N, C-alpha and C. Protein backbone atom coordinates (compact mmCIF):
# COMPACT_ATOMS: atom_id res chain seq x y z
N MET A 1 -8.59 31.22 -68.51
CA MET A 1 -8.20 32.75 -68.13
C MET A 1 -9.19 33.32 -67.28
N ARG A 2 -10.34 32.95 -67.13
CA ARG A 2 -11.27 33.44 -66.22
C ARG A 2 -10.86 33.22 -64.67
N GLU A 3 -10.46 32.01 -64.74
CA GLU A 3 -9.85 31.70 -63.19
C GLU A 3 -8.60 32.38 -62.93
N LEU A 4 -7.79 32.74 -63.81
CA LEU A 4 -6.94 33.52 -63.48
C LEU A 4 -7.14 34.84 -63.04
N ALA A 5 -8.14 35.43 -63.71
CA ALA A 5 -8.51 36.79 -63.46
C ALA A 5 -9.17 36.83 -62.15
N LEU A 6 -9.96 35.79 -61.85
CA LEU A 6 -10.51 35.62 -60.59
C LEU A 6 -9.52 35.54 -59.40
N LEU A 7 -8.57 34.82 -59.76
CA LEU A 7 -7.30 34.43 -58.67
C LEU A 7 -6.71 35.86 -58.34
N ILE A 8 -6.38 36.72 -59.40
CA ILE A 8 -5.75 38.04 -59.21
C ILE A 8 -6.50 38.75 -58.44
N VAL A 9 -7.81 38.96 -58.70
CA VAL A 9 -8.70 39.80 -57.97
C VAL A 9 -8.72 39.37 -56.59
N LEU A 10 -8.97 38.06 -56.41
CA LEU A 10 -8.99 37.57 -55.04
C LEU A 10 -7.66 37.90 -54.19
N ALA A 11 -6.66 37.99 -54.90
CA ALA A 11 -5.43 38.12 -54.09
C ALA A 11 -5.07 39.53 -53.87
N LEU A 12 -5.67 40.57 -54.43
CA LEU A 12 -5.59 41.80 -54.11
C LEU A 12 -6.11 42.19 -52.74
N PRO A 13 -5.37 42.98 -52.04
CA PRO A 13 -6.14 43.45 -50.67
C PRO A 13 -7.15 44.43 -51.01
N LEU A 14 -8.23 44.14 -50.18
CA LEU A 14 -9.60 45.12 -50.52
C LEU A 14 -9.75 45.37 -49.01
N PRO A 15 -10.57 46.65 -48.84
CA PRO A 15 -11.05 46.99 -47.58
C PRO A 15 -12.08 46.08 -47.03
N LEU A 16 -12.21 45.69 -45.93
CA LEU A 16 -13.27 44.75 -45.39
C LEU A 16 -14.60 44.84 -45.74
N ALA A 17 -15.01 46.29 -46.07
CA ALA A 17 -16.52 46.52 -46.37
C ALA A 17 -16.51 46.73 -47.89
N ALA A 18 -15.60 46.61 -48.73
CA ALA A 18 -15.69 46.88 -49.91
C ALA A 18 -16.56 45.92 -50.78
N GLN A 19 -17.38 46.34 -51.61
CA GLN A 19 -18.35 45.48 -52.61
C GLN A 19 -17.51 45.24 -53.82
N VAL A 20 -17.70 43.83 -54.29
CA VAL A 20 -17.05 43.44 -55.32
C VAL A 20 -18.23 43.35 -56.55
N TYR A 21 -17.88 43.76 -57.76
CA TYR A 21 -18.78 43.85 -58.76
C TYR A 21 -18.46 43.04 -59.97
N LYS A 22 -19.40 42.31 -60.78
CA LYS A 22 -18.83 41.37 -61.77
C LYS A 22 -19.45 41.99 -63.07
N TYR A 23 -18.93 41.99 -64.23
CA TYR A 23 -19.58 42.31 -65.26
C TYR A 23 -18.75 41.67 -66.52
N THR A 24 -19.51 41.70 -67.56
CA THR A 24 -19.02 41.05 -68.97
C THR A 24 -18.75 42.25 -69.96
N ASP A 25 -17.67 42.30 -70.61
CA ASP A 25 -17.60 43.56 -71.46
C ASP A 25 -18.32 43.07 -72.91
N GLU A 26 -17.97 43.90 -73.88
CA GLU A 26 -18.40 43.83 -75.25
C GLU A 26 -17.91 42.43 -76.02
N LYS A 27 -16.66 42.03 -75.48
CA LYS A 27 -15.92 40.78 -76.22
C LYS A 27 -16.35 39.66 -75.46
N GLY A 28 -17.28 39.75 -74.32
CA GLY A 28 -17.52 38.34 -73.62
C GLY A 28 -16.63 38.18 -72.32
N VAL A 29 -15.66 39.01 -72.12
CA VAL A 29 -14.68 38.71 -71.24
C VAL A 29 -15.32 39.06 -69.79
N ILE A 30 -15.32 38.18 -68.77
CA ILE A 30 -15.77 38.51 -67.46
C ILE A 30 -14.75 39.44 -66.71
N HIS A 31 -15.18 40.50 -65.93
CA HIS A 31 -14.39 41.38 -65.21
C HIS A 31 -14.78 41.33 -63.77
N TYR A 32 -13.95 41.56 -62.77
CA TYR A 32 -14.26 41.96 -61.32
C TYR A 32 -13.62 43.05 -61.01
N THR A 33 -14.40 43.95 -60.28
CA THR A 33 -13.87 45.28 -59.72
C THR A 33 -14.54 45.70 -58.64
N ASP A 34 -13.80 46.68 -57.94
CA ASP A 34 -14.42 47.07 -56.58
C ASP A 34 -15.40 48.56 -56.86
N LYS A 35 -15.53 48.88 -58.02
CA LYS A 35 -16.29 49.99 -58.49
C LYS A 35 -17.25 49.72 -59.48
N ALA A 36 -18.65 50.06 -59.41
CA ALA A 36 -19.59 49.66 -60.39
C ALA A 36 -19.18 50.39 -61.61
N PRO A 37 -18.95 49.67 -62.96
CA PRO A 37 -18.61 50.41 -64.10
C PRO A 37 -19.73 50.91 -64.82
N GLY A 38 -20.89 50.50 -64.47
CA GLY A 38 -22.11 50.70 -65.39
C GLY A 38 -23.25 50.08 -64.90
N LYS A 39 -24.41 50.07 -65.78
CA LYS A 39 -25.55 49.43 -65.51
C LYS A 39 -25.43 47.82 -65.33
N GLY A 40 -24.59 47.18 -66.06
CA GLY A 40 -24.50 45.70 -66.24
C GLY A 40 -23.72 44.92 -65.20
N ALA A 41 -23.27 45.90 -64.24
CA ALA A 41 -22.40 45.19 -63.30
C ALA A 41 -23.36 44.68 -62.00
N LYS A 42 -23.04 43.64 -61.60
CA LYS A 42 -23.59 43.04 -60.51
C LYS A 42 -22.89 42.82 -59.32
N PRO A 43 -23.45 42.99 -58.05
CA PRO A 43 -22.63 42.65 -56.88
C PRO A 43 -22.39 41.08 -56.78
N VAL A 44 -21.17 40.77 -56.11
CA VAL A 44 -20.93 39.38 -56.13
C VAL A 44 -20.42 39.25 -54.77
N THR A 45 -21.04 38.09 -54.09
CA THR A 45 -20.72 37.46 -53.04
C THR A 45 -19.46 36.59 -52.93
N LEU A 46 -18.32 36.97 -52.35
CA LEU A 46 -17.23 36.17 -52.57
C LEU A 46 -17.10 35.06 -51.34
N PRO A 47 -16.38 33.92 -51.57
CA PRO A 47 -16.28 32.99 -50.40
C PRO A 47 -15.33 33.54 -49.55
N PRO A 48 -15.49 33.16 -48.14
CA PRO A 48 -14.71 33.76 -47.14
C PRO A 48 -13.12 33.47 -47.34
N LEU A 49 -12.25 34.32 -46.98
CA LEU A 49 -10.82 34.12 -47.03
C LEU A 49 -10.40 32.86 -46.01
N HIS A 50 -9.33 32.30 -46.54
CA HIS A 50 -8.76 31.29 -45.81
C HIS A 50 -7.80 31.99 -44.84
N THR A 51 -7.89 31.47 -43.52
CA THR A 51 -6.93 32.00 -42.50
C THR A 51 -6.39 30.81 -41.80
N TYR A 52 -5.27 30.90 -41.34
CA TYR A 52 -4.55 30.07 -40.65
C TYR A 52 -3.93 30.35 -39.32
N LYS A 53 -3.98 29.54 -38.37
CA LYS A 53 -3.54 30.07 -37.07
C LYS A 53 -1.87 29.61 -36.99
N PRO A 54 -0.98 30.35 -36.21
CA PRO A 54 0.35 30.13 -36.36
C PRO A 54 0.47 28.89 -35.59
N LEU A 55 1.51 28.10 -35.73
CA LEU A 55 1.93 27.00 -34.86
C LEU A 55 2.27 27.37 -33.55
N ALA A 56 2.11 26.63 -32.39
CA ALA A 56 2.44 26.77 -31.27
C ALA A 56 3.89 26.85 -31.08
N PRO A 57 4.51 27.72 -30.37
CA PRO A 57 6.02 27.66 -30.41
C PRO A 57 6.55 26.30 -29.60
N PRO A 58 7.60 25.85 -29.89
CA PRO A 58 8.16 24.57 -29.03
C PRO A 58 8.37 24.82 -27.74
N GLU A 59 8.19 23.63 -26.92
CA GLU A 59 8.45 23.97 -25.51
C GLU A 59 9.63 24.37 -25.21
N SER A 60 9.96 25.08 -24.26
CA SER A 60 11.30 25.72 -23.73
C SER A 60 12.07 24.38 -23.08
N GLU A 61 13.26 24.38 -23.06
CA GLU A 61 14.16 23.31 -22.49
C GLU A 61 13.73 22.98 -21.03
N GLY A 62 13.35 23.90 -20.34
CA GLY A 62 13.07 23.67 -18.91
C GLY A 62 11.87 22.94 -18.88
N ALA A 63 10.96 23.22 -19.65
CA ALA A 63 9.65 22.45 -19.59
C ALA A 63 9.90 21.13 -20.10
N ALA A 64 10.69 20.80 -20.95
CA ALA A 64 10.98 19.50 -21.42
C ALA A 64 11.71 18.72 -20.65
N ALA A 65 12.60 19.38 -19.77
CA ALA A 65 13.29 18.66 -18.63
C ALA A 65 12.43 18.36 -17.54
N SER A 66 11.38 19.03 -17.23
CA SER A 66 10.35 18.65 -16.30
C SER A 66 9.57 17.50 -16.65
N GLY A 67 9.67 17.21 -17.72
CA GLY A 67 8.72 16.01 -18.26
C GLY A 67 8.87 14.70 -17.64
N ALA A 68 8.53 13.79 -18.40
CA ALA A 68 8.65 12.35 -17.80
C ALA A 68 9.99 11.71 -18.06
N GLY A 69 10.84 12.33 -18.99
CA GLY A 69 11.96 11.98 -19.36
C GLY A 69 12.05 11.10 -20.47
N GLY A 70 13.20 10.35 -20.66
CA GLY A 70 13.13 9.41 -21.93
C GLY A 70 13.53 10.30 -23.23
N ASN A 71 13.42 9.59 -24.29
CA ASN A 71 13.70 10.21 -25.43
C ASN A 71 12.50 10.65 -26.24
N ASP A 72 11.74 11.75 -25.85
CA ASP A 72 10.52 12.29 -26.38
C ASP A 72 10.86 13.47 -27.44
N ALA A 73 9.93 13.53 -28.37
CA ALA A 73 10.14 14.75 -29.29
C ALA A 73 10.37 16.04 -28.72
N SER A 74 10.06 16.37 -27.44
CA SER A 74 10.21 17.76 -26.89
C SER A 74 11.45 17.78 -26.35
N ALA A 75 12.49 16.79 -26.06
CA ALA A 75 13.68 16.87 -25.61
C ALA A 75 14.49 17.70 -26.39
N PRO A 76 15.52 18.56 -25.64
CA PRO A 76 16.45 19.28 -26.47
C PRO A 76 17.46 18.66 -27.44
N PRO A 77 17.81 19.38 -28.36
CA PRO A 77 18.63 18.70 -29.47
C PRO A 77 19.79 17.95 -28.78
N ALA A 78 20.32 16.91 -29.45
CA ALA A 78 21.36 16.08 -28.93
C ALA A 78 22.79 16.74 -28.80
N ASP A 79 22.99 17.80 -29.49
CA ASP A 79 24.39 18.41 -29.48
C ASP A 79 24.26 19.58 -28.33
N LYS A 80 23.30 19.74 -27.48
CA LYS A 80 23.44 20.77 -26.44
C LYS A 80 23.21 20.15 -25.24
N GLY A 81 23.83 20.84 -24.15
CA GLY A 81 23.83 20.44 -22.77
C GLY A 81 23.80 21.65 -22.02
N ARG A 82 23.53 21.61 -20.74
CA ARG A 82 23.47 22.59 -19.75
C ARG A 82 24.95 22.97 -19.40
N ALA A 83 25.37 24.31 -19.55
CA ALA A 83 26.63 24.70 -18.99
C ALA A 83 26.50 25.11 -17.44
N ALA A 84 27.55 25.12 -16.76
CA ALA A 84 27.72 25.49 -15.37
C ALA A 84 27.02 26.64 -15.21
N GLY A 85 27.09 27.71 -15.80
CA GLY A 85 26.46 29.09 -15.66
C GLY A 85 25.08 29.13 -16.16
N GLY A 86 24.44 28.08 -16.45
CA GLY A 86 23.08 28.02 -16.87
C GLY A 86 22.85 28.05 -18.49
N GLY A 87 23.91 28.30 -19.17
CA GLY A 87 23.80 28.19 -20.62
C GLY A 87 23.96 26.90 -21.21
N ASP A 88 23.88 26.76 -22.52
CA ASP A 88 23.94 25.62 -23.18
C ASP A 88 25.42 25.30 -23.65
N PHE A 89 25.86 24.09 -23.67
CA PHE A 89 27.11 23.59 -24.30
C PHE A 89 26.82 23.13 -25.81
N THR A 90 27.81 23.52 -26.62
CA THR A 90 27.53 23.17 -27.94
C THR A 90 28.78 22.46 -28.30
N VAL A 91 28.61 21.23 -28.87
CA VAL A 91 29.98 20.39 -29.47
C VAL A 91 29.87 20.45 -30.91
N SER A 92 30.86 20.73 -31.67
CA SER A 92 30.88 20.62 -33.11
C SER A 92 32.16 20.11 -33.47
N ILE A 93 32.23 19.17 -34.44
CA ILE A 93 33.51 18.75 -35.14
C ILE A 93 33.91 19.75 -36.18
N VAL A 94 35.04 20.17 -35.94
CA VAL A 94 35.68 21.07 -36.98
C VAL A 94 36.28 20.23 -38.21
N SER A 95 37.05 19.21 -37.60
CA SER A 95 37.74 18.41 -38.70
C SER A 95 37.70 16.92 -38.40
N PRO A 96 37.20 16.11 -39.08
CA PRO A 96 37.05 16.24 -40.50
C PRO A 96 35.67 16.88 -40.91
N VAL A 97 35.80 17.40 -42.15
CA VAL A 97 34.44 17.98 -42.56
C VAL A 97 33.50 16.89 -43.16
N PRO A 98 32.18 17.11 -43.08
CA PRO A 98 31.29 16.11 -43.58
C PRO A 98 31.63 15.49 -45.12
N ASP A 99 31.68 14.30 -45.39
CA ASP A 99 31.87 13.57 -46.53
C ASP A 99 33.22 13.65 -46.95
N GLN A 100 34.07 13.90 -45.97
CA GLN A 100 35.49 13.97 -46.36
C GLN A 100 36.08 12.47 -46.55
N THR A 101 37.05 12.40 -47.61
CA THR A 101 37.72 11.09 -47.81
C THR A 101 39.02 11.14 -47.37
N ASN A 102 39.39 10.39 -46.52
CA ASN A 102 40.68 10.15 -45.84
C ASN A 102 41.41 8.99 -46.46
N ARG A 103 42.72 9.28 -46.76
CA ARG A 103 43.50 8.10 -47.40
C ARG A 103 44.58 7.96 -46.33
N ASP A 104 44.58 6.86 -45.50
CA ASP A 104 45.64 6.45 -44.67
C ASP A 104 45.78 4.91 -44.65
N ALA A 105 47.08 4.46 -44.79
CA ALA A 105 47.32 2.98 -44.98
C ALA A 105 47.04 2.48 -43.66
N SER A 106 47.42 3.14 -42.55
CA SER A 106 47.22 2.66 -41.17
C SER A 106 45.80 2.71 -40.52
N GLY A 107 44.85 3.37 -40.99
CA GLY A 107 43.62 3.56 -40.55
C GLY A 107 43.47 4.55 -39.49
N ASN A 108 44.29 5.73 -39.66
CA ASN A 108 44.16 6.68 -38.60
C ASN A 108 43.24 8.09 -39.40
N LEU A 109 42.69 8.58 -38.33
CA LEU A 109 41.96 9.77 -38.70
C LEU A 109 42.15 10.82 -37.79
N ALA A 110 42.48 12.01 -38.05
CA ALA A 110 42.71 13.13 -37.24
C ALA A 110 41.20 13.94 -36.83
N VAL A 111 40.97 14.06 -35.66
CA VAL A 111 39.61 14.91 -35.35
C VAL A 111 39.92 16.09 -34.37
N SER A 112 39.39 17.18 -34.78
CA SER A 112 39.49 18.37 -34.09
C SER A 112 38.14 18.88 -33.74
N VAL A 113 37.51 19.14 -32.45
CA VAL A 113 36.48 19.62 -31.94
C VAL A 113 36.31 21.09 -31.42
N LYS A 114 35.34 21.68 -31.30
CA LYS A 114 35.18 22.89 -30.78
C LYS A 114 33.97 22.89 -29.75
N VAL A 115 34.36 23.40 -28.61
CA VAL A 115 33.43 23.26 -27.48
C VAL A 115 32.95 24.60 -27.07
N SER A 116 31.65 24.91 -26.95
CA SER A 116 31.15 26.54 -26.75
C SER A 116 30.08 26.37 -25.78
N PRO A 117 30.09 27.02 -24.56
CA PRO A 117 31.27 27.86 -24.09
C PRO A 117 32.63 26.94 -23.75
N GLU A 118 33.55 27.54 -23.29
CA GLU A 118 34.89 26.81 -23.17
C GLU A 118 34.62 25.70 -22.28
N MET A 119 35.33 24.60 -22.59
CA MET A 119 35.03 23.38 -21.67
C MET A 119 35.77 23.61 -20.18
N PRO A 120 34.74 23.50 -19.21
CA PRO A 120 35.49 23.51 -17.81
C PRO A 120 36.36 22.66 -17.52
N GLU A 121 37.15 22.96 -16.29
CA GLU A 121 38.01 21.87 -15.93
C GLU A 121 37.38 20.86 -15.19
N GLY A 122 37.90 19.70 -15.69
CA GLY A 122 37.35 18.36 -15.22
C GLY A 122 36.34 17.66 -16.12
N TYR A 123 35.93 18.36 -17.09
CA TYR A 123 35.23 17.78 -18.17
C TYR A 123 36.06 17.12 -19.19
N THR A 124 35.52 16.07 -20.08
CA THR A 124 36.29 15.42 -20.97
C THR A 124 35.40 15.21 -22.17
N LEU A 125 36.22 14.74 -23.34
CA LEU A 125 35.57 14.57 -24.53
C LEU A 125 35.62 13.06 -24.84
N ALA A 126 34.60 12.41 -25.24
CA ALA A 126 34.52 10.98 -25.70
C ALA A 126 34.35 10.94 -27.23
N TYR A 127 35.22 10.29 -27.86
CA TYR A 127 35.25 10.03 -29.32
C TYR A 127 34.70 8.96 -29.67
N TYR A 128 33.52 9.03 -30.69
CA TYR A 128 32.96 7.66 -31.01
C TYR A 128 33.03 7.53 -32.70
N VAL A 129 33.25 6.20 -32.88
CA VAL A 129 33.23 5.76 -34.36
C VAL A 129 32.20 4.93 -34.55
N ASP A 130 31.08 5.25 -35.32
CA ASP A 130 29.90 4.40 -35.64
C ASP A 130 29.29 4.13 -34.41
N GLY A 131 29.29 4.96 -33.46
CA GLY A 131 28.47 4.95 -32.13
C GLY A 131 29.23 4.26 -31.01
N SER A 132 30.42 3.65 -31.39
CA SER A 132 31.17 2.89 -30.26
C SER A 132 32.30 3.77 -29.90
N PRO A 133 32.75 3.93 -28.47
CA PRO A 133 33.90 4.75 -28.03
C PRO A 133 35.12 4.22 -28.68
N SER A 134 35.97 5.31 -28.91
CA SER A 134 37.29 5.06 -29.56
C SER A 134 38.11 5.58 -28.47
N GLY A 135 38.76 4.63 -27.82
CA GLY A 135 39.66 5.20 -26.49
C GLY A 135 38.95 5.66 -25.42
N GLU A 136 39.88 6.05 -24.38
CA GLU A 136 39.25 6.66 -23.20
C GLU A 136 38.94 8.17 -23.30
N PRO A 137 37.97 8.68 -22.45
CA PRO A 137 37.67 10.12 -22.87
C PRO A 137 39.01 11.00 -22.36
N THR A 138 39.18 12.12 -22.91
CA THR A 138 40.29 13.06 -22.66
C THR A 138 39.75 14.49 -22.76
N ALA A 139 40.69 15.39 -22.23
CA ALA A 139 40.50 16.65 -22.20
C ALA A 139 40.92 17.38 -23.31
N SER A 140 41.48 16.80 -24.40
CA SER A 140 42.08 17.14 -25.53
C SER A 140 40.92 17.51 -26.66
N ALA A 141 40.84 18.58 -27.18
CA ALA A 141 39.84 18.95 -28.25
C ALA A 141 40.47 18.32 -29.45
N SER A 142 41.49 17.52 -29.65
CA SER A 142 41.91 17.02 -30.99
C SER A 142 42.51 15.69 -30.52
N THR A 143 42.44 14.77 -31.46
CA THR A 143 42.99 13.46 -31.35
C THR A 143 43.04 12.82 -32.60
N THR A 144 43.91 11.73 -32.64
CA THR A 144 43.88 10.66 -33.92
C THR A 144 43.30 9.59 -33.42
N LEU A 145 42.27 9.24 -34.11
CA LEU A 145 41.54 7.86 -33.89
C LEU A 145 42.43 6.97 -34.70
N SER A 146 42.55 5.74 -34.32
CA SER A 146 43.32 4.78 -34.96
C SER A 146 42.58 3.58 -35.21
N GLY A 147 43.08 2.72 -36.06
CA GLY A 147 42.64 1.31 -36.33
C GLY A 147 41.11 1.34 -37.00
N ILE A 148 40.97 2.36 -37.67
CA ILE A 148 39.68 2.41 -38.54
C ILE A 148 39.65 1.61 -39.68
N ASP A 149 38.66 0.70 -40.04
CA ASP A 149 38.82 -0.04 -41.27
C ASP A 149 38.23 1.04 -42.42
N ARG A 150 38.50 0.64 -43.58
CA ARG A 150 38.36 1.24 -44.88
C ARG A 150 36.84 1.22 -44.97
N GLY A 151 36.15 2.34 -45.51
CA GLY A 151 34.73 2.42 -45.95
C GLY A 151 34.19 3.69 -45.13
N GLN A 152 32.78 3.60 -45.03
CA GLN A 152 31.96 4.83 -44.45
C GLN A 152 31.88 4.71 -42.96
N HIS A 153 32.22 5.87 -42.35
CA HIS A 153 32.12 6.05 -40.90
C HIS A 153 31.41 7.11 -40.35
N SER A 154 30.68 6.92 -39.23
CA SER A 154 30.06 8.20 -38.56
C SER A 154 31.01 8.49 -37.29
N ILE A 155 31.45 9.81 -37.21
CA ILE A 155 32.11 10.17 -36.17
C ILE A 155 31.37 11.12 -35.43
N SER A 156 31.30 10.93 -34.09
CA SER A 156 30.58 11.95 -33.13
C SER A 156 31.52 12.27 -31.96
N VAL A 157 31.21 13.24 -31.04
CA VAL A 157 32.03 13.50 -30.01
C VAL A 157 31.09 14.03 -28.81
N GLY A 158 31.19 13.22 -27.55
CA GLY A 158 30.28 13.75 -26.56
C GLY A 158 31.31 14.36 -25.45
N LEU A 159 30.62 15.34 -24.89
CA LEU A 159 31.03 16.18 -23.70
C LEU A 159 30.55 15.51 -22.47
N GLN A 160 31.49 15.15 -21.56
CA GLN A 160 31.19 14.51 -20.26
C GLN A 160 31.50 15.47 -19.02
N ASP A 161 30.61 15.44 -17.95
CA ASP A 161 31.05 16.24 -16.83
C ASP A 161 31.95 15.40 -15.94
N PRO A 162 32.49 16.04 -14.82
CA PRO A 162 33.38 15.20 -14.02
C PRO A 162 32.92 13.88 -13.61
N ASP A 163 31.53 13.61 -13.33
CA ASP A 163 31.02 12.35 -13.04
C ASP A 163 30.85 11.21 -14.14
N GLY A 164 31.27 11.66 -15.33
CA GLY A 164 31.25 10.99 -16.50
C GLY A 164 29.84 10.98 -17.29
N ASN A 165 29.06 11.94 -16.85
CA ASN A 165 27.74 11.94 -17.52
C ASN A 165 27.73 12.86 -18.83
N GLU A 166 27.21 12.29 -19.87
CA GLU A 166 27.21 13.12 -21.08
C GLU A 166 26.40 14.06 -21.04
N VAL A 167 26.75 15.40 -21.35
CA VAL A 167 26.20 16.55 -21.23
C VAL A 167 25.69 17.25 -22.47
N ALA A 168 26.63 16.95 -23.63
CA ALA A 168 26.29 17.43 -24.92
C ALA A 168 26.99 16.54 -25.97
N ARG A 169 26.55 16.31 -27.32
CA ARG A 169 27.12 15.54 -28.05
C ARG A 169 27.07 16.20 -29.44
N SER A 170 27.91 16.26 -30.20
CA SER A 170 28.19 16.72 -31.60
C SER A 170 27.14 16.01 -32.47
N ALA A 171 26.87 16.79 -33.59
CA ALA A 171 26.23 16.15 -34.69
C ALA A 171 27.05 15.03 -35.43
N PRO A 172 26.75 14.04 -35.83
CA PRO A 172 27.55 13.04 -36.38
C PRO A 172 28.25 13.51 -37.74
N VAL A 173 29.29 13.24 -38.09
CA VAL A 173 29.94 13.71 -39.29
C VAL A 173 30.28 12.24 -40.06
N THR A 174 29.72 12.11 -41.45
CA THR A 174 30.02 11.04 -42.07
C THR A 174 31.42 11.15 -42.90
N VAL A 175 32.32 10.21 -42.65
CA VAL A 175 33.73 10.33 -43.36
C VAL A 175 33.87 8.97 -44.11
N TYR A 176 34.84 8.87 -45.04
CA TYR A 176 35.08 7.72 -45.91
C TYR A 176 36.59 7.51 -45.72
N LEU A 177 37.01 6.22 -45.40
CA LEU A 177 38.51 6.01 -45.20
C LEU A 177 38.90 5.07 -46.29
N ARG A 178 39.80 5.49 -47.10
CA ARG A 178 40.30 4.61 -48.29
C ARG A 178 41.72 4.28 -48.01
N GLN A 179 42.11 2.92 -47.80
CA GLN A 179 43.43 2.81 -47.69
C GLN A 179 43.91 2.54 -49.00
N PRO A 180 45.28 3.14 -49.26
CA PRO A 180 45.81 2.85 -50.51
C PRO A 180 45.98 1.47 -51.06
N THR A 181 45.74 1.20 -52.22
CA THR A 181 46.01 -0.12 -52.63
C THR A 181 47.23 -0.08 -53.54
N ILE A 182 47.90 -1.27 -53.51
CA ILE A 182 49.27 -1.44 -54.36
C ILE A 182 48.89 -2.33 -55.33
N LYS A 183 49.00 -1.82 -56.62
CA LYS A 183 48.90 -2.60 -57.89
C LYS A 183 50.14 -3.42 -58.01
N ARG A 184 50.03 -4.69 -57.85
CA ARG A 184 51.11 -5.51 -58.22
C ARG A 184 51.22 -5.92 -59.64
N VAL A 185 52.51 -5.73 -60.07
CA VAL A 185 52.65 -6.09 -61.40
C VAL A 185 53.44 -7.43 -61.61
N THR A 186 52.76 -8.18 -62.23
CA THR A 186 53.37 -9.59 -62.42
C THR A 186 54.43 -9.32 -63.55
N PRO A 187 55.60 -9.93 -63.28
CA PRO A 187 56.70 -9.67 -64.15
C PRO A 187 56.41 -10.61 -65.32
N ALA A 188 56.89 -10.24 -66.58
CA ALA A 188 56.68 -10.94 -67.79
C ALA A 188 57.60 -12.35 -67.62
N PRO A 189 57.04 -13.21 -68.11
CA PRO A 189 58.02 -14.54 -68.22
C PRO A 189 59.35 -14.26 -69.11
N PRO A 190 60.39 -14.86 -68.63
CA PRO A 190 61.56 -14.57 -69.36
C PRO A 190 61.48 -15.19 -70.98
N ARG A 191 62.04 -14.43 -71.76
CA ARG A 191 62.03 -14.84 -73.15
C ARG A 191 63.01 -15.96 -73.36
N PRO A 192 62.66 -16.71 -74.43
CA PRO A 192 63.63 -17.80 -74.72
C PRO A 192 64.77 -17.32 -75.36
N ALA A 193 65.84 -17.94 -75.04
CA ALA A 193 67.05 -17.45 -75.50
C ALA A 193 67.12 -17.78 -77.26
N PRO A 194 67.77 -16.76 -77.80
CA PRO A 194 67.66 -16.77 -79.34
C PRO A 194 68.71 -18.04 -79.68
N ARG A 195 68.26 -18.64 -80.91
CA ARG A 195 69.00 -19.83 -81.51
C ARG A 195 69.81 -19.41 -82.58
């Protein structure tokens, strides 16, 4: 109980030059106060307050780009690239939604993408299933991926400039493909003829 009272007193904002007093009441309970309540109060020296410095802000994208290159922690996120006007491209998968289960007997999956700002002329989108390209890059923001096996898959889409360099990539979306199963019913053996 004493520790709780001390924590409460320490948590209260006090003026920097305020003196803290400690006294014990007639029931033996210890109290802390900023005003001397009587003769029995003694000044107390409290430990210094804990202070923390704020974290340094992350490096700007320009500083990261001027670095040594490679996949270091200061590189911009994988889903952004530089737009022609100096801004960033963002690629996001609109459909399918994360953890969606798709049931298709032929292994097809429809994918829709949003590119912001609008995709310039000459840019294309490359669709990936489990990190491997699925078909040729296209200017279409929607396509149907085909030949996908049943099970769990990661879908992502990369935005490519006219030279074929990837300038942005979507965050991966996990989907599940379940192909319908046909329950085969074994016909009952013929009944013997009555006698």
